[in-house]
Amino acid sequence: MKKLFTIFMVSLLFFGCSKDDSTPMADGNFDELFGGRPYKGTARGVRSQHGEADYTWNGEGRIAVIEASNDSVSVVFMADFDDQGEINLKFRGKIHGSDLRLEAADSENYFVISQEKIDGKIENAAQSMSIDGVFQRGKADLIMSVYFKETDSAFPAGSTLNLQLNTSREIPAGNDDDSGCGVRVVPIWGPNGMTMGMVPDC
């Protein structure tokens, strides 16, 4: 199945308010706690059709916090499956202390990192996604399930992709928050079609 798995990317750039009034777990803001050095580890993708897994991809997983401003930041989840393709998921949201929160106006779509937990739900015309995981200073794991309503390259309509990233990093000491990464520009899929966006190159 060489070259069958093409790039599948999502960019959600909506902003919103907090879904609840939970107190942040740690002192400092989200970028101070989780920015800097990227998380690195493994990525695994499993395609299922008719309730049965029929193909598996294994590769490298990376997670990085980039493009911080005074009140917002981007989190990028990357799975690199060598010559079979890559998955890049980029979420930009509002910083609420040590939490990151995104909600789309007039929509049930959301993406939240709070109390060291990842939670998200994204629904559009082509896919239905659920997101879960943990996000700690030294460890970040993502579990995402994507149901394809329409055929998209290697994923026929009715198929499911289950993606898992297991990553970790050394916690930066003192003021050493250098990510050691450059950036590269790639196509990013969004609600209005394909755009170009930056992801870390590290």
Protein backbone atom coordinates (compact mmCIF):
# COMPACT_ATOMS: atom_id res chain seq x y z
CA MET A 1 0.00 0.00 0.00
CA LYS A 2 2.91 2.37 -0.69
CA LYS A 3 1.76 5.93 -1.35
CA LEU A 4 -1.85 4.96 -0.63
CA PHE A 5 -2.00 6.93 2.59
CA THR A 6 -1.99 10.56 1.55
CA ILE A 7 -1.76 13.64 3.72
CA PHE A 8 -4.81 14.19 5.91
CA MET A 9 -4.73 17.46 7.81
CA VAL A 10 -7.08 19.45 9.96
CA SER A 11 -6.79 23.05 11.03
CA LEU A 12 -9.31 24.37 13.53
CA LEU A 13 -8.74 28.04 14.16
CA PHE A 14 -11.87 28.91 16.10
CA PHE A 15 -11.75 30.64 19.47
CA GLY A 16 -14.18 30.49 22.34
CA CYS A 17 -14.93 30.59 25.98
CA SER A 18 -14.38 28.02 28.67
CA LYS A 19 -16.76 25.06 28.71
CA ASP A 20 -16.58 24.96 32.51
CA ASP A 21 -15.09 26.84 35.45
CA SER A 22 -12.50 24.24 36.48
CA THR A 23 -9.39 25.57 38.20
CA PRO A 24 -6.10 25.09 36.32
CA MET A 25 -3.89 22.38 37.86
CA ALA A 26 -0.54 24.14 37.62
CA ASP A 27 0.80 27.65 38.06
CA GLY A 28 1.85 29.45 34.90
CA ASN A 29 0.17 29.73 31.54
CA PHE A 30 -0.19 27.02 28.93
CA ASP A 31 2.74 28.13 26.78
CA GLU A 32 5.09 28.42 29.77
CA LEU A 33 4.20 24.90 30.92
CA PHE A 34 4.03 23.03 27.61
CA GLY A 35 5.91 25.14 25.07
CA GLY A 36 9.55 24.75 24.09
CA ARG A 37 10.94 21.32 23.40
CA PRO A 38 8.62 19.08 21.35
CA TYR A 39 7.31 15.74 22.54
CA LYS A 40 8.60 12.79 20.50
CA GLY A 41 7.66 9.12 20.36
CA THR A 42 5.58 6.70 18.32
CA ALA A 43 2.52 6.94 16.09
CA ARG A 44 0.15 4.16 15.11
CA GLY A 45 -2.79 4.37 12.73
CA VAL A 46 -5.32 1.60 12.16
CA ARG A 47 -7.94 1.63 9.40
CA SER A 48 -11.11 -0.39 9.95
CA GLN A 49 -13.87 -1.30 7.53
CA HIS A 50 -17.09 -3.16 8.36
CA GLY A 51 -15.93 -3.45 11.97
CA GLU A 52 -12.64 -5.16 11.09
CA ALA A 53 -9.12 -3.67 11.12
CA ASP A 54 -7.62 -4.11 7.65
CA TYR A 55 -4.47 -1.95 7.59
CA THR A 56 -1.98 -0.56 10.12
CA TRP A 57 0.60 2.23 9.84
CA ASN A 58 3.47 2.61 12.32
CA GLY A 59 5.78 5.60 12.48
CA GLU A 60 7.06 8.56 14.47
CA GLY A 61 4.84 10.80 16.55
CA ARG A 62 5.55 14.39 17.56
CA ILE A 63 3.59 17.02 19.48
CA ALA A 64 4.58 20.67 19.75
CA VAL A 65 3.21 23.93 21.13
CA ILE A 66 3.99 26.82 18.74
CA GLU A 67 2.98 30.33 17.65
CA ALA A 68 2.27 31.69 21.11
CA SER A 69 0.78 35.16 21.51
CA ASN A 70 -0.44 36.96 24.63
CA ASP A 71 -3.66 34.98 24.83
CA SER A 72 -3.53 32.15 22.28
CA VAL A 73 -1.31 29.33 21.07
CA SER A 74 -1.23 26.50 18.53
CA VAL A 75 -0.82 22.81 19.35
CA VAL A 76 0.31 20.52 16.52
CA PHE A 77 -0.02 16.72 16.53
CA MET A 78 2.11 15.02 13.86
CA ALA A 79 2.31 11.40 12.71
CA ASP A 80 4.99 10.56 10.14
CA PHE A 81 4.57 7.25 8.33
CA ASP A 82 7.59 7.65 6.03
CA ASP A 83 6.75 7.28 2.34
CA GLN A 84 3.15 6.29 3.09
CA GLY A 85 2.24 9.79 4.20
CA GLU A 86 1.70 11.92 7.27
CA ILE A 87 -1.06 13.29 9.45
CA ASN A 88 -0.82 16.86 10.77
CA LEU A 89 -3.48 18.17 13.15
CA LYS A 90 -3.21 21.82 14.15
CA PHE A 91 -5.44 23.45 16.75
CA ARG A 92 -5.25 27.10 17.79
CA GLY A 93 -7.10 28.25 20.86
CA LYS A 94 -7.35 30.64 23.77
CA ILE A 95 -5.13 30.27 26.80
CA HIS A 96 -6.99 30.14 30.12
CA GLY A 97 -4.21 29.84 32.68
CA SER A 98 -2.76 26.36 32.24
CA ASP A 99 -5.69 25.33 30.02
CA LEU A 100 -6.24 25.61 26.27
CA ARG A 101 -9.82 25.95 25.06
CA LEU A 102 -11.43 26.12 21.62
CA GLU A 103 -15.09 26.25 20.79
CA ALA A 104 -16.75 27.08 17.49
CA ALA A 105 -19.56 29.59 17.59
CA ASP A 106 -22.99 28.03 17.03
CA SER A 107 -21.45 24.55 16.90
CA GLU A 108 -20.87 21.50 19.06
CA ASN A 109 -17.24 21.38 17.90
CA TYR A 110 -14.64 21.86 20.62
CA PHE A 111 -11.08 21.01 21.62
CA VAL A 112 -9.91 21.35 25.22
CA ILE A 113 -6.72 20.61 27.14
CA SER A 114 -7.54 20.98 30.85
CA GLN A 115 -6.40 19.32 34.07
CA GLU A 116 -3.81 17.37 32.02
CA LYS A 117 -6.53 15.81 29.86
CA ILE A 118 -7.30 16.20 26.15
CA ASP A 119 -10.95 16.20 25.05
CA GLY A 120 -12.43 17.08 21.69
CA LYS A 121 -15.25 16.53 19.23
CA ILE A 122 -15.28 17.73 15.63
CA GLU A 123 -18.09 17.21 13.14
CA ASN A 124 -18.11 18.33 9.53
CA ALA A 125 -19.61 17.20 6.25
CA ALA A 126 -16.79 14.74 5.52
CA GLN A 127 -15.69 13.39 8.90
CA SER A 128 -16.74 12.84 12.48
CA MET A 129 -13.86 12.94 14.99
CA SER A 130 -13.50 12.23 18.68
CA ILE A 131 -10.30 13.10 20.55
CA ASP A 132 -9.02 11.95 23.94
CA GLY A 133 -5.67 11.78 25.70
CA VAL A 134 -3.32 13.14 28.35
CA PHE A 135 -1.15 16.26 28.19
CA GLN A 136 1.48 16.63 30.90
CA ARG A 137 4.76 18.54 31.03
CA GLY A 138 6.81 15.40 30.36
CA LYS A 139 4.30 13.19 28.55
CA ALA A 140 1.58 13.65 25.94
CA ASP A 141 -0.62 10.91 24.46
CA LEU A 142 -3.35 11.35 21.87
CA ILE A 143 -6.13 8.97 20.90
CA MET A 144 -8.28 10.05 17.97
CA SER A 145 -11.00 8.26 16.07
CA VAL A 146 -12.11 9.55 12.66
CA TYR A 147 -15.22 8.23 10.90
CA PHE A 148 -15.22 9.02 7.18
CA LYS A 149 -18.61 9.99 5.82
CA GLU A 150 -17.10 10.44 2.36
CA THR A 151 -14.26 8.63 0.62
CA ASP A 152 -10.90 10.32 1.20
CA SER A 153 -7.92 8.66 -0.50
CA ALA A 154 -7.14 5.46 1.44
CA PHE A 155 -10.33 5.79 3.50
CA PRO A 156 -13.58 4.70 1.82
CA ALA A 157 -16.86 6.14 3.03
CA GLY A 158 -17.87 4.27 6.19
CA SER A 159 -14.30 3.45 7.23
CA THR A 160 -12.64 4.51 10.46
CA LEU A 161 -9.12 5.66 11.33
CA ASN A 162 -7.92 5.17 14.88
CA LEU A 163 -4.77 7.20 15.52
CA GLN A 164 -2.62 6.94 18.63
CA LEU A 165 0.42 9.06 19.54
CA ASN A 166 2.57 8.19 22.57
CA THR A 167 5.19 10.86 23.18
CA SER A 168 7.42 12.27 25.90
CA ARG A 169 10.16 14.84 26.46
CA GLU A 170 12.67 16.06 29.01
CA ILE A 171 11.18 18.94 30.95
CA PRO A 172 13.15 22.12 30.16
CA ALA A 173 15.36 23.31 33.03
CA GLY A 174 15.27 26.96 34.07
CA ASN A 175 14.74 29.27 31.11
CA ASP A 176 15.78 26.69 28.51
CA ASP A 177 12.65 26.74 26.38
CA ASP A 178 14.30 26.41 22.98
CA SER A 179 12.34 23.95 20.89
CA GLY A 180 15.26 23.08 18.64
CA CYS A 181 12.80 23.09 15.72
CA GLY A 182 12.52 24.96 12.48
CA VAL A 183 9.24 25.27 10.63
CA ARG A 184 7.91 24.09 7.29
CA VAL A 185 4.87 25.13 5.32
CA VAL A 186 2.38 22.41 4.39
CA PRO A 187 -1.19 22.22 3.06
CA ILE A 188 -3.71 22.44 5.91
CA TRP A 189 -7.31 21.36 5.49
CA GLY A 190 -9.85 23.71 7.02
CA PRO A 191 -13.57 24.43 6.89
CA ASN A 192 -13.04 26.68 3.85
CA GLY A 193 -10.82 24.27 1.94
CA MET A 194 -7.08 23.84 1.65
CA THR A 195 -4.75 26.55 2.96
CA MET A 196 -1.04 26.66 3.67
CA GLY A 197 0.14 26.63 7.26
CA MET A 198 3.26 26.17 9.35
CA VAL A 199 4.12 23.08 11.37
CA PRO A 200 7.33 22.35 13.31
CA ASP A 201 10.21 20.68 11.44
CA CYS A 202 12.10 18.78 14.11
